[in-house]
Amino acid sequence: MRMRPASEPTYWYETDTAVGRLLLAGAAQALRRVHFQSGPHPMRAAPEWREDATPFARVLAQLGEYFSGTRRAFTLRLAPEGTAFQLAVWEALRAIPYGQTVSYGELARRLGNAGGARAGADGSLTGFGGGLFIKRALLSLEGAACVADLFSAHESARAANGVPAPD
């Protein structure tokens, strides 16, 4: 895990977007975290974090452009924190072009661990940190060609297993 100097404060701010509320966290100069608050596991800011929108002005502007369909790539300073594996996965995810998808199996192969992904290795729809509703909305926003196929296959599998569709 990458550590930061103890004197560097962490700022946070919550904003509403087309896919629900996001919690942004980071230093004055770099974004460390974007968390889907409307997903299954909302996050609370740590007590020592400082609430302030100012450090996120560029993030907020670029998110607004993305959700309005005028931005396809973000140009932000990032400072993600995580294990070496998490950082490698996030870097590989950043390399996927706007509107395109990669199966978890393909992502694992790109990371040199072909057997590392089981769920979704066949391209079927599986979990997402923000929840499947948000995954579907983001894929649709970007015009991903597979959105209908992914969700149709997932919904067909649910029906075949006797699982009712969500309301």
Protein backbone atom coordinates (compact mmCIF):
# COMPACT_ATOMS: atom_id res chain seq x y z
CA MET A 1 0.00 0.00 0.00
CA ARG A 2 1.30 3.42 -0.89
CA MET A 3 1.70 5.67 2.15
CA ARG A 4 1.43 9.45 2.28
CA PRO A 5 3.19 11.91 4.57
CA ALA A 6 1.41 12.29 7.91
CA SER A 7 1.26 16.08 7.45
CA GLU A 8 -0.66 15.84 4.17
CA PRO A 9 -4.39 16.18 4.93
CA THR A 10 -7.05 14.18 3.16
CA TYR A 11 -9.99 16.16 1.81
CA TRP A 12 -13.38 14.76 0.90
CA TYR A 13 -16.53 15.92 -0.80
CA GLU A 14 -19.80 14.30 -1.90
CA THR A 15 -21.49 15.19 -5.17
CA ASP A 16 -24.62 14.08 -6.99
CA THR A 17 -24.21 12.64 -10.49
CA ALA A 18 -26.33 10.91 -13.11
CA VAL A 19 -25.51 7.56 -11.44
CA GLY A 20 -26.01 8.69 -7.87
CA ARG A 21 -23.93 10.23 -5.15
CA LEU A 22 -20.12 9.98 -5.27
CA LEU A 23 -17.68 10.50 -2.43
CA LEU A 24 -14.39 11.99 -3.63
CA ALA A 25 -11.29 11.84 -1.42
CA GLY A 26 -7.72 12.93 -1.91
CA ALA A 27 -4.97 15.39 -1.21
CA ALA A 28 -5.03 18.99 -2.35
CA GLN A 29 -3.30 18.03 -5.63
CA ALA A 30 -4.40 14.45 -6.39
CA LEU A 31 -7.52 12.30 -6.31
CA ARG A 32 -7.16 9.13 -4.25
CA ARG A 33 -10.66 7.69 -4.22
CA VAL A 34 -14.03 7.84 -5.95
CA HIS A 35 -16.68 5.88 -4.10
CA PHE A 36 -20.24 5.14 -5.26
CA GLN A 37 -22.35 6.15 -2.27
CA SER A 38 -25.58 4.85 -3.77
CA GLY A 39 -24.03 1.44 -4.30
CA PRO A 40 -24.27 -1.45 -1.87
CA HIS A 41 -21.53 -0.19 0.49
CA PRO A 42 -21.56 3.59 1.09
CA MET A 43 -18.41 4.98 2.65
CA ARG A 44 -18.01 7.36 5.57
CA ALA A 45 -15.25 9.90 5.59
CA ALA A 46 -12.63 9.23 8.25
CA PRO A 47 -12.91 11.59 11.24
CA GLU A 48 -9.56 13.22 10.44
CA TRP A 49 -10.55 14.03 6.83
CA ARG A 50 -11.54 17.59 5.97
CA GLU A 51 -14.72 18.27 4.01
CA ASP A 52 -13.96 20.76 1.23
CA ALA A 53 -15.02 20.93 -2.42
CA THR A 54 -12.12 23.22 -3.44
CA PRO A 55 -9.50 20.50 -4.08
CA PHE A 56 -11.98 18.72 -6.36
CA ALA A 57 -12.88 21.60 -8.69
CA ARG A 58 -11.24 19.92 -11.73
CA VAL A 59 -12.70 16.54 -10.80
CA LEU A 60 -16.20 17.99 -10.52
CA ALA A 61 -15.88 19.85 -13.82
CA GLN A 62 -14.63 16.75 -15.66
CA LEU A 63 -17.31 14.54 -14.11
CA GLY A 64 -19.94 17.02 -15.29
CA GLU A 65 -18.50 16.91 -18.81
CA TYR A 66 -18.36 13.09 -18.74
CA PHE A 67 -21.98 12.72 -17.67
CA SER A 68 -23.12 15.29 -20.24
CA GLY A 69 -21.39 13.25 -22.96
CA THR A 70 -18.71 15.81 -23.86
CA ARG A 71 -15.71 14.17 -22.14
CA ARG A 72 -14.27 10.78 -23.06
CA ALA A 73 -10.99 10.87 -21.14
CA PHE A 74 -10.11 12.30 -17.75
CA THR A 75 -6.98 14.38 -17.23
CA LEU A 76 -6.61 14.35 -13.46
CA ARG A 77 -3.73 13.77 -11.09
CA LEU A 78 -4.38 10.47 -9.39
CA ALA A 79 -2.79 8.98 -6.29
CA PRO A 80 -4.64 5.70 -5.72
CA GLU A 81 -3.85 3.68 -2.62
CA GLY A 82 -3.95 -0.09 -2.47
CA THR A 83 -1.97 -3.28 -2.74
CA ALA A 84 0.43 -3.77 -5.63
CA PHE A 85 -2.17 -6.03 -7.27
CA GLN A 86 -4.98 -3.47 -6.86
CA LEU A 87 -2.80 -0.72 -8.33
CA ALA A 88 -1.93 -2.97 -11.32
CA VAL A 89 -5.64 -3.75 -11.91
CA TRP A 90 -6.63 -0.08 -11.75
CA GLU A 91 -3.85 0.83 -14.17
CA ALA A 92 -5.04 -1.88 -16.59
CA LEU A 93 -8.62 -0.61 -16.26
CA ARG A 94 -7.49 2.92 -17.11
CA ALA A 95 -6.10 1.58 -20.40
CA ILE A 96 -9.55 0.42 -21.60
CA PRO A 97 -10.80 3.01 -24.11
CA TYR A 98 -14.08 4.87 -23.70
CA GLY A 99 -17.07 2.80 -24.79
CA GLN A 100 -15.16 -0.49 -24.84
CA THR A 101 -15.30 -3.40 -22.44
CA VAL A 102 -12.91 -6.16 -21.41
CA SER A 103 -13.93 -9.39 -19.68
CA TYR A 104 -12.46 -10.17 -16.28
CA GLY A 105 -10.73 -13.14 -17.92
CA GLU A 106 -9.06 -10.90 -20.49
CA LEU A 107 -8.06 -8.44 -17.79
CA ALA A 108 -6.48 -11.28 -15.80
CA ARG A 109 -4.56 -12.41 -18.92
CA ARG A 110 -3.29 -8.86 -19.45
CA LEU A 111 -2.01 -8.89 -15.89
CA GLY A 112 -0.21 -12.19 -16.45
CA ASN A 113 -2.62 -14.27 -14.38
CA ALA A 114 -4.86 -16.04 -16.91
CA GLY A 115 -6.56 -18.15 -14.22
CA GLY A 116 -7.04 -15.21 -11.88
CA ALA A 117 -10.60 -14.40 -12.92
CA ARG A 118 -13.46 -16.81 -12.72
CA ALA A 119 -16.59 -14.66 -12.49
CA GLY A 120 -17.20 -12.84 -15.74
CA ALA A 121 -14.36 -14.54 -17.56
CA ASP A 122 -16.80 -15.37 -20.34
CA GLY A 123 -17.86 -11.74 -20.71
CA SER A 124 -21.07 -12.13 -18.71
CA LEU A 125 -22.19 -9.38 -16.40
CA THR A 126 -20.92 -9.72 -12.87
CA GLY A 127 -20.37 -7.48 -9.86
CA PHE A 128 -19.29 -3.88 -9.73
CA GLY A 129 -18.38 -1.80 -6.69
CA GLY A 130 -21.20 0.62 -7.31
CA GLY A 131 -23.77 -2.08 -8.04
CA LEU A 132 -25.04 -3.52 -11.31
CA PHE A 133 -27.47 -0.64 -11.90
CA ILE A 134 -24.56 1.80 -11.98
CA LYS A 135 -22.48 -0.53 -14.14
CA ARG A 136 -25.33 -0.69 -16.65
CA ALA A 137 -25.78 3.12 -16.60
CA LEU A 138 -22.08 3.77 -17.20
CA LEU A 139 -21.85 1.23 -20.02
CA SER A 140 -24.96 2.73 -21.60
CA LEU A 141 -23.62 6.29 -21.24
CA GLU A 142 -20.48 5.29 -23.10
CA GLY A 143 -22.47 3.49 -25.79
CA ALA A 144 -20.78 0.16 -25.16
CA ALA A 145 -21.94 -2.20 -27.90
CA CYS A 146 -22.33 -5.07 -25.46
CA VAL A 147 -24.74 -3.47 -22.98
CA ALA A 148 -27.86 -5.19 -24.28
CA ASP A 149 -26.04 -8.51 -24.68
CA LEU A 150 -24.46 -8.40 -21.22
CA PHE A 151 -27.66 -7.56 -19.44
CA SER A 152 -29.83 -9.85 -21.54
CA ALA A 153 -27.50 -12.78 -20.81
CA HIS A 154 -27.43 -11.91 -17.11
CA GLU A 155 -31.21 -11.53 -16.90
CA SER A 156 -31.73 -14.76 -18.87
CA ALA A 157 -29.44 -16.60 -16.46
CA ARG A 158 -31.37 -15.19 -13.49
CA ALA A 159 -34.66 -16.33 -15.02
CA ALA A 160 -33.27 -19.79 -15.81
CA ASN A 161 -32.24 -20.15 -12.17
CA GLY A 162 -35.65 -19.05 -10.92
CA VAL A 163 -34.37 -15.73 -9.59
CA PRO A 164 -36.95 -12.95 -10.01
CA ALA A 165 -35.95 -9.74 -11.76
CA PRO A 166 -35.25 -6.82 -9.41
CA ASP A 167 -37.97 -4.19 -9.11
